[in-house]
Amino acid sequence: MIETERLILRTWSDADREPYAALNADPRVGDWLGGVRTKAQTDAAIDRFNAGIARSGYGFFAAERKADGRLVGMIGVDRFAPGEMPFGEAVEMAWRLSPDSWGAGLASEGAAAVLAWSWARVDDPEIVAITAQANLRSQAVMRRIGMTPDPTRAFDHPKLAADHPLRRHVLFSARRPA
Protein backbone atom coordinates (compact mmCIF):
# COMPACT_ATOMS: atom_id res chain seq x y z
CA MET A 1 0.00 0.00 0.00
CA ILE A 2 2.81 2.42 0.90
CA GLU A 3 6.36 2.17 -0.38
CA THR A 4 9.42 4.02 0.86
CA GLU A 5 13.07 3.76 -0.13
CA ARG A 6 13.59 0.74 2.14
CA LEU A 7 10.13 -0.44 3.19
CA ILE A 8 6.87 -1.81 1.86
CA LEU A 9 3.93 -1.17 4.19
CA ARG A 10 1.09 -3.54 3.36
CA THR A 11 -1.71 -5.70 4.69
CA TRP A 12 -0.75 -8.71 6.75
CA SER A 13 -0.37 -12.24 5.40
CA ASP A 14 -0.37 -15.56 7.21
CA ALA A 15 3.40 -15.71 6.62
CA ASP A 16 3.73 -12.65 8.89
CA ARG A 17 2.23 -14.37 11.93
CA GLU A 18 5.33 -16.23 13.15
CA PRO A 19 7.84 -13.38 12.73
CA TYR A 20 5.46 -10.86 14.31
CA ALA A 21 4.81 -13.25 17.20
CA ALA A 22 8.59 -13.57 17.71
CA LEU A 23 8.92 -9.77 17.71
CA ASN A 24 6.07 -9.42 20.24
CA ALA A 25 7.59 -12.14 22.45
CA ASP A 26 10.98 -10.40 22.58
CA PRO A 27 11.50 -8.96 26.08
CA ARG A 28 13.27 -5.91 24.62
CA VAL A 29 10.03 -5.04 22.79
CA GLY A 30 7.89 -6.03 25.76
CA ASP A 31 9.86 -3.67 27.99
CA TRP A 32 8.15 -0.76 26.21
CA LEU A 33 4.70 -2.36 26.02
CA GLY A 34 4.22 -3.30 29.64
CA GLY A 35 5.01 -6.93 28.84
CA VAL A 36 5.44 -9.36 25.98
CA ARG A 37 2.53 -10.59 23.85
CA THR A 38 1.57 -14.21 23.27
CA LYS A 39 1.12 -15.90 19.89
CA ALA A 40 -2.66 -15.85 20.40
CA GLN A 41 -2.57 -12.11 21.20
CA THR A 42 -0.42 -11.50 18.11
CA ASP A 43 -2.74 -13.50 15.85
CA ALA A 44 -5.76 -11.60 17.20
CA ALA A 45 -3.94 -8.29 16.63
CA ILE A 46 -3.10 -9.18 13.01
CA ASP A 47 -6.74 -10.12 12.42
CA ARG A 48 -7.85 -6.76 13.89
CA PHE A 49 -5.25 -4.89 11.82
CA ASN A 50 -6.45 -6.44 8.56
CA ALA A 51 -10.12 -5.96 9.44
CA GLY A 52 -9.48 -2.29 10.23
CA ILE A 53 -7.60 -1.75 6.96
CA ALA A 54 -10.42 -3.42 5.02
CA ARG A 55 -13.03 -1.29 6.82
CA SER A 56 -11.40 2.15 6.75
CA GLY A 57 -8.60 1.94 4.18
CA TYR A 58 -5.93 2.65 6.78
CA GLY A 59 -4.54 0.93 9.85
CA PHE A 60 -1.45 -0.70 11.28
CA PHE A 61 0.46 -2.15 8.31
CA ALA A 62 3.01 -4.92 8.13
CA ALA A 63 6.44 -3.34 7.57
CA GLU A 64 8.52 -5.39 5.15
CA ARG A 65 12.15 -4.53 4.43
CA LYS A 66 12.70 -4.34 0.66
CA ALA A 67 16.30 -5.52 0.75
CA ASP A 68 15.41 -9.02 1.93
CA GLY A 69 11.60 -9.23 2.10
CA ARG A 70 11.77 -9.70 5.88
CA LEU A 71 8.96 -8.51 8.14
CA VAL A 72 10.56 -5.99 10.51
CA GLY A 73 7.43 -4.88 12.33
CA MET A 74 4.34 -2.70 12.16
CA ILE A 75 3.83 0.95 11.21
CA GLY A 76 0.55 2.75 10.66
CA VAL A 77 -2.35 4.77 11.97
CA ASP A 78 -5.60 3.66 13.54
CA ARG A 79 -8.42 5.19 15.53
CA PHE A 80 -8.57 4.73 19.29
CA ALA A 81 -11.89 3.28 20.40
CA PRO A 82 -14.21 5.81 22.07
CA GLY A 83 -13.35 6.03 25.75
CA GLU A 84 -10.13 4.04 25.32
CA MET A 85 -7.85 6.94 26.24
CA PRO A 86 -8.34 9.80 28.71
CA PHE A 87 -7.59 12.47 26.10
CA GLY A 88 -10.58 11.45 23.98
CA GLU A 89 -11.09 10.07 20.52
CA ALA A 90 -8.13 10.39 18.17
CA VAL A 91 -6.25 8.79 15.30
CA GLU A 92 -3.01 7.27 16.56
CA MET A 93 0.29 6.91 14.69
CA ALA A 94 2.23 3.90 15.96
CA TRP A 95 5.14 1.63 15.14
CA ARG A 96 6.70 -1.50 16.57
CA LEU A 97 9.92 -2.82 15.07
CA SER A 98 12.19 -5.77 15.73
CA PRO A 99 15.15 -4.87 17.94
CA ASP A 100 17.66 -5.83 15.25
CA SER A 101 16.26 -3.03 13.08
CA TRP A 102 16.29 -0.36 15.80
CA GLY A 103 18.53 2.63 15.14
CA ALA A 104 18.49 2.22 11.35
CA GLY A 105 15.94 4.99 10.71
CA LEU A 106 13.22 2.60 9.55
CA ALA A 107 10.66 3.82 12.10
CA SER A 108 11.16 7.44 11.02
CA GLU A 109 11.11 6.55 7.33
CA GLY A 110 7.96 4.48 7.57
CA ALA A 111 6.13 6.75 10.00
CA ALA A 112 6.83 9.86 7.90
CA ALA A 113 5.46 8.09 4.82
CA VAL A 114 2.34 6.89 6.67
CA LEU A 115 1.74 10.34 8.13
CA ALA A 116 1.90 12.02 4.69
CA TRP A 117 -0.26 9.27 3.15
CA SER A 118 -2.84 9.46 5.96
CA TRP A 119 -3.90 13.05 5.41
CA ALA A 120 -5.71 12.00 2.22
CA ARG A 121 -7.57 9.25 4.11
CA VAL A 122 -8.19 10.57 7.62
CA ASP A 123 -10.61 13.45 8.11
CA ASP A 124 -9.39 14.39 11.59
CA PRO A 125 -7.52 17.68 12.09
CA GLU A 126 -4.67 15.91 13.87
CA ILE A 127 -2.92 12.59 14.27
CA VAL A 128 -1.40 11.77 17.64
CA ALA A 129 1.31 9.44 18.88
CA ILE A 130 1.75 8.31 22.46
CA THR A 131 4.58 6.66 24.33
CA ALA A 132 5.89 6.19 27.82
CA GLN A 133 7.51 9.32 29.20
CA ALA A 134 10.75 7.34 29.52
CA ASN A 135 10.76 6.21 25.87
CA LEU A 136 13.03 8.90 24.46
CA ARG A 137 13.80 6.95 21.28
CA SER A 138 10.14 6.91 20.22
CA GLN A 139 9.83 10.57 21.14
CA ALA A 140 12.82 11.29 18.87
CA VAL A 141 11.02 9.54 16.00
CA MET A 142 7.94 11.65 16.69
CA ARG A 143 10.00 14.83 16.51
CA ARG A 144 11.80 13.70 13.33
CA ILE A 145 8.50 13.20 11.50
CA GLY A 146 7.28 16.67 12.50
CA MET A 147 5.11 15.89 15.50
CA THR A 148 5.16 18.22 18.49
CA PRO A 149 4.70 17.37 22.17
CA ASP A 150 1.53 18.50 23.90
CA PRO A 151 2.35 18.48 27.63
CA THR A 152 -1.23 19.45 28.50
CA ARG A 153 -2.36 15.99 27.29
CA ALA A 154 0.21 13.85 29.16
CA PHE A 155 -1.63 11.09 30.99
CA ASP A 156 -1.42 7.91 33.02
CA HIS A 157 -2.04 4.96 30.71
CA PRO A 158 -5.29 3.30 31.84
CA LYS A 159 -4.09 -0.21 30.90
CA LEU A 160 -1.04 -0.06 33.19
CA ALA A 161 -1.07 -0.45 36.97
CA ALA A 162 -0.71 2.67 39.10
CA ASP A 163 2.81 1.63 40.14
CA HIS A 164 3.98 0.53 36.67
CA PRO A 165 7.17 2.39 35.65
CA LEU A 166 5.75 3.07 32.14
CA ARG A 167 2.37 4.34 33.30
CA ARG A 168 3.07 8.04 32.64
CA HIS A 169 2.67 8.73 28.91
CA VAL A 170 3.31 11.72 26.70
CA LEU A 171 1.33 12.74 23.62
CA PHE A 172 2.71 14.23 20.41
CA SER A 173 0.53 15.75 17.72
CA ALA A 174 0.73 16.40 13.99
CA ARG A 175 -1.77 18.92 12.67
CA ARG A 176 -3.34 18.62 9.23
CA PRO A 177 -1.23 20.58 6.71
CA ALA A 178 -2.84 23.76 5.39
C-alpha atoms as a PDB file:
ATOM      1  CA  MET A   1       0.000   0.000   0.000  1.00  0.00           C
ATOM      2  CA  ILE A   2       2.813   2.420   0.899  1.00  0.00           C
ATOM      3  CA  GLU A   3       6.358   2.172  -0.383  1.00  0.00           C
ATOM      4  CA  THR A   4       9.425   4.022   0.856  1.00  0.00           C
ATOM      5  CA  GLU A   5      13.065   3.759  -0.133  1.00  0.00           C
ATOM      6  CA  ARG A   6      13.595   0.742   2.143  1.00  0.00           C
ATOM      7  CA  LEU A   7      10.130  -0.443   3.187  1.00  0.00           C
ATOM      8  CA  ILE A   8       6.873  -1.808   1.860  1.00  0.00           C
ATOM      9  CA  LEU A   9       3.933  -1.169   4.194  1.00  0.00           C
ATOM     10  CA  ARG A  10       1.088  -3.543   3.363  1.00  0.00           C
ATOM     11  CA  THR A  11      -1.708  -5.695   4.692  1.00  0.00           C
ATOM     12  CA  TRP A  12      -0.750  -8.712   6.750  1.00  0.00           C
ATOM     13  CA  SER A  13      -0.367 -12.244   5.395  1.00  0.00           C
ATOM     14  CA  ASP A  14      -0.368 -15.565   7.210  1.00  0.00           C
ATOM     15  CA  ALA A  15       3.399 -15.714   6.617  1.00  0.00           C
ATOM     16  CA  ASP A  16       3.732 -12.649   8.890  1.00  0.00           C
ATOM     17  CA  ARG A  17       2.228 -14.366  11.931  1.00  0.00           C
ATOM     18  CA  GLU A  18       5.334 -16.229  13.153  1.00  0.00           C
ATOM     19  CA  PRO A  19       7.837 -13.383  12.726  1.00  0.00           C
ATOM     20  CA  TYR A  20       5.459 -10.859  14.311  1.00  0.00           C
ATOM     21  CA  ALA A  21       4.806 -13.245  17.202  1.00  0.00           C
ATOM     22  CA  ALA A  22       8.586 -13.566  17.714  1.00  0.00           C
ATOM     23  CA  LEU A  23       8.921  -9.767  17.710  1.00  0.00           C
ATOM     24  CA  ASN A  24       6.073  -9.419  20.244  1.00  0.00           C
ATOM     25  CA  ALA A  25       7.591 -12.142  22.453  1.00  0.00           C
ATOM     26  CA  ASP A  26      10.983 -10.403  22.576  1.00  0.00           C
ATOM     27  CA  PRO A  27      11.498  -8.962  26.084  1.00  0.00           C
ATOM     28  CA  ARG A  28      13.271  -5.908  24.621  1.00  0.00           C
ATOM     29  CA  VAL A  29      10.034  -5.044  22.792  1.00  0.00           C
ATOM     30  CA  GLY A  30       7.892  -6.035  25.759  1.00  0.00           C
ATOM     31  CA  ASP A  31       9.862  -3.674  27.987  1.00  0.00           C
ATOM     32  CA  TRP A  32       8.146  -0.756  26.207  1.00  0.00           C
ATOM     33  CA  LEU A  33       4.695  -2.358  26.018  1.00  0.00           C
ATOM     34  CA  GLY A  34       4.217  -3.303  29.641  1.00  0.00           C
ATOM     35  CA  GLY A  35       5.009  -6.931  28.844  1.00  0.00           C
ATOM     36  CA  VAL A  36       5.439  -9.361  25.980  1.00  0.00           C
ATOM     37  CA  ARG A  37       2.527 -10.587  23.853  1.00  0.00           C
ATOM     38  CA  THR A  38       1.565 -14.215  23.275  1.00  0.00           C
ATOM     39  CA  LYS A  39       1.120 -15.904  19.893  1.00  0.00           C
ATOM     40  CA  ALA A  40      -2.660 -15.851  20.402  1.00  0.00           C
ATOM     41  CA  GLN A  41      -2.573 -12.110  21.200  1.00  0.00           C
ATOM     42  CA  THR A  42      -0.419 -11.503  18.114  1.00  0.00           C
ATOM     43  CA  ASP A  43      -2.739 -13.495  15.851  1.00  0.00           C
ATOM     44  CA  ALA A  44      -5.756 -11.598  17.199  1.00  0.00           C
ATOM     45  CA  ALA A  45      -3.944  -8.288  16.626  1.00  0.00           C
ATOM     46  CA  ILE A  46      -3.097  -9.183  13.006  1.00  0.00           C
ATOM     47  CA  ASP A  47      -6.742 -10.124  12.416  1.00  0.00           C
ATOM     48  CA  ARG A  48      -7.851  -6.765  13.893  1.00  0.00           C
ATOM     49  CA  PHE A  49      -5.249  -4.890  11.824  1.00  0.00           C
ATOM     50  CA  ASN A  50      -6.450  -6.437   8.555  1.00  0.00           C
ATOM     51  CA  ALA A  51     -10.123  -5.963   9.444  1.00  0.00           C
ATOM     52  CA  GLY A  52      -9.479  -2.293  10.225  1.00  0.00           C
ATOM     53  CA  ILE A  53      -7.599  -1.748   6.965  1.00  0.00           C
ATOM     54  CA  ALA A  54     -10.420  -3.421   5.023  1.00  0.00           C
ATOM     55  CA  ARG A  55     -13.030  -1.289   6.825  1.00  0.00           C
ATOM     56  CA  SER A  56     -11.402   2.151   6.751  1.00  0.00           C
ATOM     57  CA  GLY A  57      -8.599   1.940   4.177  1.00  0.00           C
ATOM     58  CA  TYR A  58      -5.932   2.652   6.783  1.00  0.00           C
ATOM     59  CA  GLY A  59      -4.542   0.935   9.849  1.00  0.00           C
ATOM     60  CA  PHE A  60      -1.454  -0.703  11.279  1.00  0.00           C
ATOM     61  CA  PHE A  61       0.456  -2.145   8.310  1.00  0.00           C
ATOM     62  CA  ALA A  62       3.015  -4.924   8.131  1.00  0.00           C
ATOM     63  CA  ALA A  63       6.438  -3.338   7.569  1.00  0.00           C
ATOM     64  CA  GLU A  64       8.522  -5.391   5.151  1.00  0.00           C
ATOM     65  CA  ARG A  65      12.150  -4.533   4.433  1.00  0.00           C
ATOM     66  CA  LYS A  66      12.698  -4.341   0.662  1.00  0.00           C
ATOM     67  CA  ALA A  67      16.303  -5.515   0.753  1.00  0.00           C
ATOM     68  CA  ASP A  68      15.413  -9.019   1.933  1.00  0.00           C
ATOM     69  CA  GLY A  69      11.604  -9.230   2.098  1.00  0.00           C
ATOM     70  CA  ARG A  70      11.772  -9.697   5.880  1.00  0.00           C
ATOM     71  CA  LEU A  71       8.965  -8.514   8.142  1.00  0.00           C
ATOM     72  CA  VAL A  72      10.560  -5.988  10.509  1.00  0.00           C
ATOM     73  CA  GLY A  73       7.428  -4.875  12.326  1.00  0.00           C
ATOM     74  CA  MET A  74       4.341  -2.704  12.159  1.00  0.00           C
ATOM     75  CA  ILE A  75       3.834   0.949  11.208  1.00  0.00           C
ATOM     76  CA  GLY A  76       0.549   2.753  10.664  1.00  0.00           C
ATOM     77  CA  VAL A  77      -2.355   4.774  11.971  1.00  0.00           C
ATOM     78  CA  ASP A  78      -5.604   3.658  13.541  1.00  0.00           C
ATOM     79  CA  ARG A  79      -8.423   5.186  15.531  1.00  0.00           C
ATOM     80  CA  PHE A  80      -8.571   4.729  19.292  1.00  0.00           C
ATOM     81  CA  ALA A  81     -11.889   3.282  20.400  1.00  0.00           C
ATOM     82  CA  PRO A  82     -14.213   5.809  22.073  1.00  0.00           C
ATOM     83  CA  GLY A  83     -13.346   6.034  25.754  1.00  0.00           C
ATOM     84  CA  GLU A  84     -10.127   4.044  25.321  1.00  0.00           C
ATOM     85  CA  MET A  85      -7.851   6.941  26.244  1.00  0.00           C
ATOM     86  CA  PRO A  86      -8.338   9.800  28.712  1.00  0.00           C
ATOM     87  CA  PHE A  87      -7.590  12.473  26.102  1.00  0.00           C
ATOM     88  CA  GLY A  88     -10.580  11.451  23.984  1.00  0.00           C
ATOM     89  CA  GLU A  89     -11.092  10.066  20.523  1.00  0.00           C
ATOM     90  CA  ALA A  90      -8.126  10.393  18.168  1.00  0.00           C
ATOM     91  CA  VAL A  91      -6.253   8.788  15.299  1.00  0.00           C
ATOM     92  CA  GLU A  92      -3.014   7.270  16.556  1.00  0.00           C
ATOM     93  CA  MET A  93       0.285   6.910  14.691  1.00  0.00           C
ATOM     94  CA  ALA A  94       2.226   3.900  15.958  1.00  0.00           C
ATOM     95  CA  TRP A  95       5.143   1.630  15.143  1.00  0.00           C
ATOM     96  CA  ARG A  96       6.705  -1.497  16.573  1.00  0.00           C
ATOM     97  CA  LEU A  97       9.917  -2.825  15.069  1.00  0.00           C
ATOM     98  CA  SER A  98      12.189  -5.772  15.731  1.00  0.00           C
ATOM     99  CA  PRO A  99      15.150  -4.866  17.940  1.00  0.00           C
ATOM    100  CA  ASP A 100      17.656  -5.832  15.248  1.00  0.00           C
ATOM    101  CA  SER A 101      16.262  -3.026  13.080  1.00  0.00           C
ATOM    102  CA  TRP A 102      16.293  -0.356  15.801  1.00  0.00           C
ATOM    103  CA  GLY A 103      18.532   2.626  15.143  1.00  0.00           C
ATOM    104  CA  ALA A 104      18.489   2.223  11.347  1.00  0.00           C
ATOM    105  CA  GLY A 105      15.944   4.990  10.708  1.00  0.00           C
ATOM    106  CA  LEU A 106      13.221   2.601   9.547  1.00  0.00           C
ATOM    107  CA  ALA A 107      10.662   3.824  12.100  1.00  0.00           C
ATOM    108  CA  SER A 108      11.159   7.436  11.024  1.00  0.00           C
ATOM    109  CA  GLU A 109      11.113   6.554   7.331  1.00  0.00           C
ATOM    110  CA  GLY A 110       7.957   4.477   7.572  1.00  0.00           C
ATOM    111  CA  ALA A 111       6.135   6.754  10.005  1.00  0.00           C
ATOM    112  CA  ALA A 112       6.830   9.860   7.898  1.00  0.00           C
ATOM    113  CA  ALA A 113       5.456   8.091   4.819  1.00  0.00           C
ATOM    114  CA  VAL A 114       2.345   6.889   6.665  1.00  0.00           C
ATOM    115  CA  LEU A 115       1.736  10.342   8.127  1.00  0.00           C
ATOM    116  CA  ALA A 116       1.904  12.018   4.694  1.00  0.00           C
ATOM    117  CA  TRP A 117      -0.258   9.273   3.146  1.00  0.00           C
ATOM    118  CA  SER A 118      -2.837   9.455   5.959  1.00  0.00           C
ATOM    119  CA  TRP A 119      -3.899  13.047   5.413  1.00  0.00           C
ATOM    120  CA  ALA A 120      -5.706  11.995   2.221  1.00  0.00           C
ATOM    121  CA  ARG A 121      -7.568   9.253   4.108  1.00  0.00           C
ATOM    122  CA  VAL A 122      -8.193  10.567   7.621  1.00  0.00           C
ATOM    123  CA  ASP A 123     -10.612  13.452   8.113  1.00  0.00           C
ATOM    124  CA  ASP A 124      -9.390  14.388  11.589  1.00  0.00           C
ATOM    125  CA  PRO A 125      -7.516  17.682  12.095  1.00  0.00           C
ATOM    126  CA  GLU A 126      -4.671  15.912  13.871  1.00  0.00           C
ATOM    127  CA  ILE A 127      -2.917  12.589  14.268  1.00  0.00           C
ATOM    128  CA  VAL A 128      -1.399  11.772  17.645  1.00  0.00           C
ATOM    129  CA  ALA A 129       1.311   9.441  18.884  1.00  0.00           C
ATOM    130  CA  ILE A 130       1.752   8.311  22.465  1.00  0.00           C
ATOM    131  CA  THR A 131       4.579   6.657  24.331  1.00  0.00           C
ATOM    132  CA  ALA A 132       5.889   6.189  27.824  1.00  0.00           C
ATOM    133  CA  GLN A 133       7.510   9.321  29.201  1.00  0.00           C
ATOM    134  CA  ALA A 134      10.747   7.344  29.520  1.00  0.00           C
ATOM    135  CA  ASN A 135      10.764   6.208  25.867  1.00  0.00           C
ATOM    136  CA  LEU A 136      13.032   8.905  24.464  1.00  0.00           C
ATOM    137  CA  ARG A 137      13.802   6.948  21.282  1.00  0.00           C
ATOM    138  CA  SER A 138      10.145   6.914  20.225  1.00  0.00           C
ATOM    139  CA  GLN A 139       9.833  10.567  21.140  1.00  0.00           C
ATOM    140  CA  ALA A 140      12.821  11.289  18.874  1.00  0.00           C
ATOM    141  CA  VAL A 141      11.016   9.542  15.995  1.00  0.00           C
ATOM    142  CA  MET A 142       7.935  11.654  16.686  1.00  0.00           C
ATOM    143  CA  ARG A 143       9.998  14.833  16.507  1.00  0.00           C
ATOM    144  CA  ARG A 144      11.804  13.700  13.330  1.00  0.00           C
ATOM    145  CA  ILE A 145       8.499  13.202  11.497  1.00  0.00           C
ATOM    146  CA  GLY A 146       7.281  16.665  12.496  1.00  0.00           C
ATOM    147  CA  MET A 147       5.108  15.891  15.502  1.00  0.00           C
ATOM    148  CA  THR A 148       5.163  18.222  18.492  1.00  0.00           C
ATOM    149  CA  PRO A 149       4.702  17.374  22.166  1.00  0.00           C
ATOM    150  CA  ASP A 150       1.530  18.498  23.902  1.00  0.00           C
ATOM    151  CA  PRO A 151       2.353  18.484  27.635  1.00  0.00           C
ATOM    152  CA  THR A 152      -1.231  19.447  28.496  1.00  0.00           C
ATOM    153  CA  ARG A 153      -2.360  15.995  27.292  1.00  0.00           C
ATOM    154  CA  ALA A 154       0.209  13.854  29.158  1.00  0.00           C
ATOM    155  CA  PHE A 155      -1.631  11.089  30.989  1.00  0.00           C
ATOM    156  CA  ASP A 156      -1.417   7.908  33.018  1.00  0.00           C
ATOM    157  CA  HIS A 157      -2.043   4.959  30.707  1.00  0.00           C
ATOM    158  CA  PRO A 158      -5.287   3.295  31.838  1.00  0.00           C
ATOM    159  CA  LYS A 159      -4.093  -0.213  30.901  1.00  0.00           C
ATOM    160  CA  LEU A 160      -1.038  -0.060  33.193  1.00  0.00           C
ATOM    161  CA  ALA A 161      -1.070  -0.453  36.972  1.00  0.00           C
ATOM    162  CA  ALA A 162      -0.706   2.669  39.096  1.00  0.00           C
ATOM    163  CA  ASP A 163       2.814   1.633  40.142  1.00  0.00           C
ATOM    164  CA  HIS A 164       3.975   0.526  36.671  1.00  0.00           C
ATOM    165  CA  PRO A 165       7.175   2.388  35.649  1.00  0.00           C
ATOM    166  CA  LEU A 166       5.752   3.069  32.136  1.00  0.00           C
ATOM    167  CA  ARG A 167       2.370   4.336  33.298  1.00  0.00           C
ATOM    168  CA  ARG A 168       3.066   8.045  32.635  1.00  0.00           C
ATOM    169  CA  HIS A 169       2.669   8.733  28.908  1.00  0.00           C
ATOM    170  CA  VAL A 170       3.309  11.719  26.696  1.00  0.00           C
ATOM    171  CA  LEU A 171       1.325  12.737  23.621  1.00  0.00           C
ATOM    172  CA  PHE A 172       2.712  14.227  20.411  1.00  0.00           C
ATOM    173  CA  SER A 173       0.529  15.752  17.721  1.00  0.00           C
ATOM    174  CA  ALA A 174       0.730  16.398  13.987  1.00  0.00           C
ATOM    175  CA  ARG A 175      -1.774  18.925  12.668  1.00  0.00           C
ATOM    176  CA  ARG A 176      -3.336  18.619   9.229  1.00  0.00           C
ATOM    177  CA  PRO A 177      -1.231  20.577   6.709  1.00  0.00           C
ATOM    178  CA  ALA A 178      -2.843  23.764   5.392  1.00  0.00           C
END
